[in-house]
Amino acid sequence: MKDFIKNRIKSDDGFLGETHAMSAVAGFLLLVLFAKDYFLNQGITDNVFILLIASFIVAGAALIPDLDNTKSTAMSVLGPVGNLLSTAMRSIATVIFYMTRSRYDDKVANPHRGFWHTIIAGAVLGLIVKYTTSINVEINNDFLINYNFNNVGDLLALFWIFITTQLAFSALLNKFNKGGLINKLILVLLGLGISVALIYFNSDDYNWLVILMVLGYLIHIVGDSLTVAGIPLLFPFKIKGKRWYTISFLPIRAGGEIENHLFLPLFTVVSIVSAILIVVNSFGY
């Protein structure tokens, strides 16, 4: 039984991290291209720098669902924080499964591709980010206040921005990230700099951060529904008597020919073309 559970947790036939990240960037930039006024009102497309960083946040958020996998790159990149988040997510997923399973569902919970791979989990993430960044407990520290860190919510916004940028770097700048300790340190400092800069210039509210993180998260969910492993996309609605019915629209395998030679190049081209059109149309370059 232990081996069975271990194998289920480790199993991962979904998109790889790089594909998830690029699909999120492509989806985000396409939305910006066709609904630029909405994102402009959220303060997301004020300038090229903000648009670039927003893309990294969306890409990083697209890796958060896989924190429920003990062998995910997302977990290892975040170190002790990743271990803590992964443990919490897998525990919550297991509890929810046993509380809601029908008699037609599996008898053993699968923390990976469970609750955190559902549409409703995206809404839960949005509520978590919204609540944590809205905590209005003032910080009595002149140094922090001078840099727009006026309350606990600002620090938690810094946390969310930092972990999403680090996850994005691990997927989109994979070769540089694997270049050694100096390279990793550079990316950590870059992530901190980006996080502090965003809060310094845009800390009135964090609705923009909620939108970016939920968008990236949901794009991951859609992506995994196209793979052979599938996901319980429509939980808690029952399908064929199962509350945790696995939905798989396409038989795509992780690291396979279709992912590497069709989807990844497609997402990359869409991202580049969309970015060029946005810059030309919106900023007049």
Protein backbone atom coordinates (compact mmCIF):
# COMPACT_ATOMS: atom_id res chain seq x y z
CA MET A 1 0.00 0.00 0.00
CA LYS A 2 2.82 2.44 0.86
CA ASP A 3 4.51 1.77 -2.50
CA PHE A 4 1.20 2.35 -4.27
CA ILE A 5 0.71 5.72 -2.60
CA LYS A 6 4.34 6.70 -3.22
CA ASN A 7 4.10 5.90 -6.92
CA ARG A 8 0.85 7.84 -7.28
CA ILE A 9 2.38 10.90 -5.67
CA LYS A 10 5.50 10.73 -7.85
CA SER A 11 3.62 10.01 -11.08
CA ASP A 12 3.50 12.99 -13.42
CA ASP A 13 2.39 12.66 -17.01
CA GLY A 14 1.40 16.29 -17.40
CA PHE A 15 3.16 19.18 -19.08
CA LEU A 16 6.68 19.95 -17.91
CA GLY A 17 7.45 23.16 -16.03
CA GLU A 18 8.78 25.06 -19.04
CA THR A 19 5.66 24.31 -21.06
CA HIS A 20 3.36 25.33 -18.22
CA ALA A 21 5.27 28.60 -17.84
CA MET A 22 5.30 29.40 -21.56
CA SER A 23 1.61 28.52 -21.95
CA ALA A 24 0.82 30.96 -19.13
CA VAL A 25 2.87 33.73 -20.74
CA ALA A 26 1.25 33.08 -24.12
CA GLY A 27 -2.25 33.07 -22.64
CA PHE A 28 -1.61 36.22 -20.62
CA LEU A 29 -0.15 38.20 -23.52
CA LEU A 30 -2.99 37.13 -25.82
CA LEU A 31 -5.50 38.39 -23.26
CA VAL A 32 -3.61 41.67 -22.92
CA LEU A 33 -3.55 42.02 -26.70
CA PHE A 34 -7.33 41.68 -27.01
CA ALA A 35 -8.40 43.21 -23.68
CA LYS A 36 -5.70 45.79 -23.04
CA ASP A 37 -8.09 48.33 -21.49
CA TYR A 38 -9.06 45.89 -18.73
CA PHE A 39 -5.45 45.15 -17.82
CA LEU A 40 -4.56 48.83 -18.12
CA ASN A 41 -7.23 49.64 -15.55
CA GLN A 42 -5.61 47.11 -13.24
CA GLY A 43 -2.26 48.86 -13.59
CA ILE A 44 -0.70 45.83 -15.26
CA THR A 45 0.23 47.31 -18.65
CA ASP A 46 1.38 50.79 -17.64
CA ASN A 47 4.78 50.26 -19.25
CA VAL A 48 6.98 47.60 -20.80
CA PHE A 49 8.74 46.86 -17.49
CA ILE A 50 5.45 46.13 -15.69
CA LEU A 51 4.26 43.98 -18.60
CA LEU A 52 7.49 41.96 -18.52
CA ILE A 53 7.35 41.38 -14.78
CA ALA A 54 3.64 40.57 -14.97
CA SER A 55 4.53 37.86 -17.47
CA PHE A 56 7.01 36.36 -15.00
CA ILE A 57 4.41 36.42 -12.22
CA VAL A 58 1.85 34.63 -14.41
CA ALA A 59 4.47 32.08 -15.47
CA GLY A 60 5.49 31.42 -11.87
CA ALA A 61 1.88 31.10 -10.73
CA ALA A 62 1.41 28.46 -13.41
CA LEU A 63 3.85 26.23 -11.51
CA ILE A 64 2.13 26.55 -8.11
CA PRO A 65 -0.36 23.68 -8.66
CA ASP A 66 2.54 21.22 -8.93
CA LEU A 67 3.67 22.04 -5.41
CA ASP A 68 1.36 19.15 -4.51
CA ASN A 69 3.94 16.84 -6.13
CA THR A 70 6.87 15.82 -3.91
CA LYS A 71 9.13 15.53 -6.96
CA SER A 72 8.23 18.82 -8.62
CA THR A 73 10.84 21.38 -9.62
CA ALA A 74 8.62 24.04 -8.07
CA MET A 75 9.02 22.49 -4.63
CA SER A 76 12.79 22.06 -4.86
CA VAL A 77 13.37 25.60 -6.20
CA LEU A 78 11.71 27.16 -3.16
CA GLY A 79 13.72 25.09 -0.67
CA PRO A 80 12.27 24.96 2.87
CA VAL A 81 9.39 27.23 1.84
CA GLY A 82 8.58 24.84 -1.01
CA ASN A 83 8.64 21.87 1.38
CA LEU A 84 6.30 23.68 3.75
CA LEU A 85 3.86 24.71 1.02
CA SER A 86 3.95 21.24 -0.53
CA THR A 87 3.26 19.53 2.77
CA ALA A 88 0.36 21.86 3.50
CA MET A 89 -1.13 21.46 0.01
CA ARG A 90 -0.85 17.66 0.01
CA SER A 91 -2.35 17.43 3.49
CA ILE A 92 -5.28 19.67 2.57
CA ALA A 93 -5.85 17.75 -0.68
CA THR A 94 -5.91 14.44 1.19
CA VAL A 95 -8.37 15.68 3.82
CA ILE A 96 -10.70 17.15 1.18
CA PHE A 97 -10.60 13.93 -0.84
CA TYR A 98 -11.63 11.72 2.07
CA MET A 99 -14.32 14.18 3.16
CA THR A 100 -15.92 14.36 -0.29
CA ARG A 101 -15.21 11.07 -2.12
CA SER A 102 -18.15 9.05 -3.40
CA ARG A 103 -18.35 5.29 -3.30
CA TYR A 104 -17.27 5.21 -6.94
CA ASP A 105 -14.05 7.16 -6.38
CA ASP A 106 -10.66 5.59 -5.61
CA LYS A 107 -10.24 4.36 -2.07
CA VAL A 108 -6.76 5.92 -1.73
CA ALA A 109 -6.16 9.66 -2.02
CA ASN A 110 -3.75 11.01 -4.62
CA PRO A 111 -2.43 14.37 -3.29
CA HIS A 112 -0.89 15.15 -6.67
CA ARG A 113 -3.53 16.03 -9.26
CA GLY A 114 -6.16 16.17 -6.56
CA PHE A 115 -7.87 19.24 -5.14
CA TRP A 116 -5.14 21.65 -6.22
CA HIS A 117 -5.68 20.62 -9.83
CA THR A 118 -9.30 21.77 -9.98
CA ILE A 119 -10.92 24.98 -11.16
CA ILE A 120 -12.22 25.66 -7.66
CA ALA A 121 -8.64 25.59 -6.36
CA GLY A 122 -7.85 28.57 -8.59
CA ALA A 123 -10.60 30.52 -6.86
CA VAL A 124 -9.24 29.42 -3.49
CA LEU A 125 -5.78 30.70 -4.43
CA GLY A 126 -7.31 34.03 -5.43
CA LEU A 127 -9.03 34.33 -2.06
CA ILE A 128 -5.84 33.43 -0.22
CA VAL A 129 -3.77 36.02 -2.09
CA LYS A 130 -6.53 38.63 -1.77
CA TYR A 131 -6.88 38.07 1.99
CA THR A 132 -3.18 37.88 2.82
CA THR A 133 -2.29 41.01 0.86
CA SER A 134 -5.19 42.90 2.49
CA ILE A 135 -4.05 42.36 6.09
CA ASN A 136 -3.91 45.93 7.38
CA VAL A 137 -1.70 45.50 10.43
CA GLU A 138 0.71 48.42 10.51
CA ILE A 139 4.46 47.87 10.79
CA ASN A 140 6.23 50.12 13.25
CA ASN A 141 9.50 50.35 11.41
CA ASP A 142 10.62 53.62 9.80
CA PHE A 143 12.97 51.86 7.36
CA LEU A 144 10.23 49.62 5.92
CA ILE A 145 7.59 52.35 5.88
CA ASN A 146 9.89 54.60 3.86
CA TYR A 147 9.82 51.96 1.15
CA ASN A 148 6.00 51.60 1.07
CA PHE A 149 5.94 48.54 3.32
CA ASN A 150 3.28 49.99 5.59
CA ASN A 151 1.59 46.82 6.81
CA VAL A 152 1.72 43.04 6.93
CA GLY A 153 -0.20 42.82 3.64
CA ASP A 154 2.68 44.53 1.82
CA LEU A 155 5.16 41.98 3.17
CA LEU A 156 2.92 39.09 2.14
CA ALA A 157 2.55 40.64 -1.33
CA LEU A 158 6.35 40.72 -1.44
CA PHE A 159 6.33 37.01 -0.56
CA TRP A 160 3.90 36.10 -3.36
CA ILE A 161 5.74 38.15 -5.98
CA PHE A 162 9.09 36.72 -4.93
CA ILE A 163 8.06 33.05 -5.04
CA THR A 164 6.31 33.44 -8.41
CA THR A 165 9.30 35.16 -9.98
CA GLN A 166 11.63 32.48 -8.61
CA LEU A 167 9.42 29.74 -10.02
CA ALA A 168 9.30 31.56 -13.37
CA PHE A 169 13.08 31.92 -13.44
CA SER A 170 13.50 28.20 -12.73
CA ALA A 171 11.40 27.32 -15.79
CA LEU A 172 12.12 30.10 -18.28
CA LEU A 173 15.78 30.66 -17.39
CA ASN A 174 16.51 27.03 -16.63
CA LYS A 175 20.01 26.88 -18.11
CA PHE A 176 21.13 30.04 -16.32
CA ASN A 177 19.55 28.80 -13.09
CA LYS A 178 21.59 25.60 -13.31
CA GLY A 179 24.81 27.50 -13.91
CA GLY A 180 25.95 27.43 -10.29
CA LEU A 181 25.56 29.18 -6.97
CA ILE A 182 26.42 32.64 -8.33
CA ASN A 183 23.72 32.37 -10.98
CA LYS A 184 21.15 31.27 -8.41
CA LEU A 185 22.12 34.16 -6.16
CA ILE A 186 21.71 36.60 -9.05
CA LEU A 187 18.18 35.33 -9.69
CA VAL A 188 17.29 35.57 -5.99
CA LEU A 189 18.51 39.15 -5.82
CA LEU A 190 16.74 39.96 -9.08
CA GLY A 191 13.51 38.51 -7.70
CA LEU A 192 13.83 40.55 -4.50
CA GLY A 193 14.56 43.71 -6.49
CA ILE A 194 11.55 43.18 -8.71
CA SER A 195 9.29 42.47 -5.73
CA VAL A 196 10.38 45.57 -3.82
CA ALA A 197 10.10 47.78 -6.93
CA LEU A 198 6.56 46.61 -7.73
CA ILE A 199 5.34 47.26 -4.20
CA TYR A 200 7.12 50.61 -4.01
CA PHE A 201 5.41 51.89 -7.16
CA ASN A 202 2.10 50.01 -6.98
CA SER A 203 0.95 49.17 -3.45
CA ASP A 204 -2.44 50.92 -3.35
CA ASP A 205 -4.09 47.51 -3.69
CA TYR A 206 -3.05 44.12 -4.97
CA ASN A 207 -5.97 43.18 -7.20
CA TRP A 208 -3.52 43.08 -10.09
CA LEU A 209 -1.48 40.44 -8.25
CA VAL A 210 -4.58 38.35 -7.55
CA ILE A 211 -5.55 38.49 -11.23
CA LEU A 212 -2.10 37.48 -12.45
CA MET A 213 -1.74 34.58 -10.03
CA VAL A 214 -5.21 33.16 -10.62
CA LEU A 215 -4.74 33.47 -14.39
CA GLY A 216 -1.44 31.58 -14.34
CA TYR A 217 -2.87 28.95 -12.00
CA LEU A 218 -5.92 28.30 -14.18
CA ILE A 219 -3.84 28.09 -17.35
CA HIS A 220 -1.88 25.29 -15.66
CA ILE A 221 -5.14 23.49 -14.89
CA VAL A 222 -6.31 23.77 -18.49
CA GLY A 223 -2.93 22.52 -19.71
CA ASP A 224 -3.01 19.41 -17.54
CA SER A 225 -6.51 18.58 -18.78
CA LEU A 226 -4.91 18.07 -22.21
CA THR A 227 -2.55 15.36 -20.96
CA VAL A 228 -2.87 11.62 -20.55
CA ALA A 229 -2.85 11.90 -16.75
CA GLY A 230 -5.83 14.24 -16.71
CA ILE A 231 -7.24 16.08 -13.71
CA PRO A 232 -10.48 16.22 -11.68
CA LEU A 233 -11.27 19.46 -13.49
CA LEU A 234 -14.91 19.85 -12.46
CA PHE A 235 -14.77 18.82 -8.79
CA PRO A 236 -17.05 18.89 -6.78
CA PHE A 237 -19.59 18.06 -9.52
CA LYS A 238 -20.21 14.35 -10.01
CA ILE A 239 -19.53 12.68 -13.35
CA LYS A 240 -20.55 9.04 -13.73
CA GLY A 241 -21.00 8.89 -9.97
CA LYS A 242 -17.47 10.12 -9.27
CA ARG A 243 -16.78 13.42 -7.56
CA TRP A 244 -13.10 13.09 -8.51
CA TYR A 245 -13.66 12.07 -12.11
CA THR A 246 -10.48 12.47 -14.17
CA ILE A 247 -10.87 14.51 -17.34
CA SER A 248 -8.31 14.14 -20.13
CA PHE A 249 -9.03 15.84 -23.46
CA LEU A 250 -5.84 14.74 -25.26
CA PRO A 251 -3.37 11.85 -24.75
CA ILE A 252 -0.27 14.04 -24.44
CA ARG A 253 2.64 12.70 -22.34
CA ALA A 254 5.22 14.71 -20.43
CA GLY A 255 8.33 15.42 -22.46
CA GLY A 256 6.88 13.71 -25.52
CA GLU A 257 7.09 14.71 -29.15
CA ILE A 258 3.81 16.63 -29.11
CA GLU A 259 4.80 18.72 -26.11
CA ASN A 260 8.39 19.39 -27.18
CA HIS A 261 7.86 19.90 -30.90
CA LEU A 262 4.35 21.33 -31.08
CA PHE A 263 3.04 22.92 -27.92
CA LEU A 264 6.23 24.45 -26.52
CA PRO A 265 7.28 26.06 -29.84
CA LEU A 266 3.69 27.22 -30.40
CA PHE A 267 3.47 28.89 -26.98
CA THR A 268 6.86 30.51 -27.55
CA VAL A 269 5.88 31.95 -30.95
CA VAL A 270 2.52 33.18 -29.64
CA SER A 271 4.28 34.88 -26.72
CA ILE A 272 6.83 36.64 -28.93
CA VAL A 273 4.32 37.77 -31.56
CA SER A 274 1.82 38.95 -28.93
CA ALA A 275 4.51 40.85 -27.05
CA ILE A 276 5.65 42.62 -30.21
CA LEU A 277 2.09 43.60 -31.15
CA ILE A 278 1.36 44.85 -27.62
CA VAL A 279 4.48 46.99 -27.54
CA VAL A 280 3.82 48.43 -31.01
CA ASN A 281 0.11 49.08 -30.42
CA SER A 282 0.23 50.23 -26.82
CA PHE A 283 3.57 51.95 -26.39
CA GLY A 284 4.24 53.14 -29.93
CA TYR A 285 7.72 51.60 -30.25
